[in-house]
Protein backbone atom coordinates (compact mmCIF):
# COMPACT_ATOMS: atom_id res chain seq x y z
CA MET A 1 -0.07 0.04 -0.01
CA SER A 2 1.30 3.46 -0.77
CA GLU A 3 2.51 5.27 1.98
CA GLN A 4 0.39 8.56 0.92
CA PHE A 5 -2.83 6.43 1.45
CA ARG A 6 -1.74 4.86 4.92
CA ARG A 7 -2.86 6.86 7.91
CA HIS A 8 -0.14 7.07 10.53
CA GLN A 9 -1.06 5.83 13.71
CA ALA A 10 1.22 6.69 16.57
CA ALA A 11 3.33 3.95 18.36
CA ILE A 12 2.17 2.78 21.64
CA PRO A 13 4.85 3.47 24.19
CA VAL A 14 6.50 1.01 26.41
CA PRO A 15 4.74 1.26 29.84
CA TYR A 16 6.89 1.44 32.78
CA GLU A 17 5.86 1.27 36.42
CA ASP A 18 4.85 4.84 36.87
CA LEU A 19 1.28 5.96 36.82
CA GLY A 20 1.99 8.50 33.95
CA SER A 21 3.55 5.76 31.89
CA LEU A 22 0.99 3.47 32.23
CA ARG A 23 -1.52 5.90 31.57
CA THR A 24 0.03 7.03 28.35
CA ALA A 25 0.23 3.36 27.22
CA VAL A 26 -3.35 2.65 28.16
CA ALA A 27 -4.48 5.72 26.35
CA ALA A 28 -2.74 4.90 23.24
CA LEU A 29 -4.11 1.04 23.37
CA LYS A 30 -7.55 2.70 23.56
CA ASP A 31 -7.05 4.96 20.77
CA LEU A 32 -5.85 2.49 18.69
CA VAL A 33 -8.63 -0.17 19.54
CA GLU A 34 -11.31 2.75 18.69
CA ASP A 35 -9.71 3.37 15.44
CA LEU A 36 -9.46 -0.01 14.36
CA SER A 37 -13.31 -0.87 15.47
CA GLY A 38 -14.59 1.95 13.64
CA GLN A 39 -16.03 3.53 16.58
CA ARG A 40 -14.02 6.94 15.71
CA GLY A 41 -11.73 8.10 12.81
CA THR A 42 -13.01 7.29 9.21
CA VAL A 43 -14.38 3.94 7.94
CA GLY A 44 -11.27 3.38 5.92
CA ASP A 45 -8.96 3.16 8.90
CA SER A 46 -11.15 0.67 10.45
CA ALA A 47 -10.01 -3.12 10.46
CA VAL A 48 -11.85 -5.75 8.17
CA THR A 49 -12.93 -8.74 9.98
CA PHE A 50 -13.91 -12.24 8.66
CA ASN A 51 -17.81 -11.32 9.76
CA ASP A 52 -17.08 -8.47 7.22
CA LEU A 53 -15.92 -10.87 4.56
CA VAL A 54 -18.74 -13.19 5.26
CA ARG A 55 -21.33 -10.52 5.03
CA LEU A 56 -19.82 -9.06 1.60
CA GLY A 57 -20.01 -12.57 0.10
CA LEU A 58 -15.98 -12.97 -0.44
CA ILE A 59 -15.79 -15.87 1.89
CA GLU A 60 -17.88 -18.29 3.16
CA ARG A 61 -18.33 -19.12 6.94
CA GLU A 62 -16.97 -22.58 6.64
CA ARG A 63 -13.68 -20.97 5.26
CA ILE A 64 -13.08 -18.79 8.47
CA PRO A 65 -9.88 -20.65 10.44
CA LYS A 66 -10.81 -22.06 13.50
CA GLN A 67 -7.25 -20.75 15.03
CA LEU A 68 -5.23 -17.86 14.12
CA GLY A 69 -1.51 -17.74 14.49
């Protein structure tokens, strides 16, 4: 994918034991999850799920892997 079309997402900082560091890391995780789940941002930045592919008729439900990774 061309970099001009990819929206930059901030890196998630490494959390340390201090509360400020933990809060920053959790806030970054929250922002990323909200972007990917389509709760905020643009539709083009949200993740596509297997259920989305089934709904669009691009795959059959039986073709969804039972285990990932």
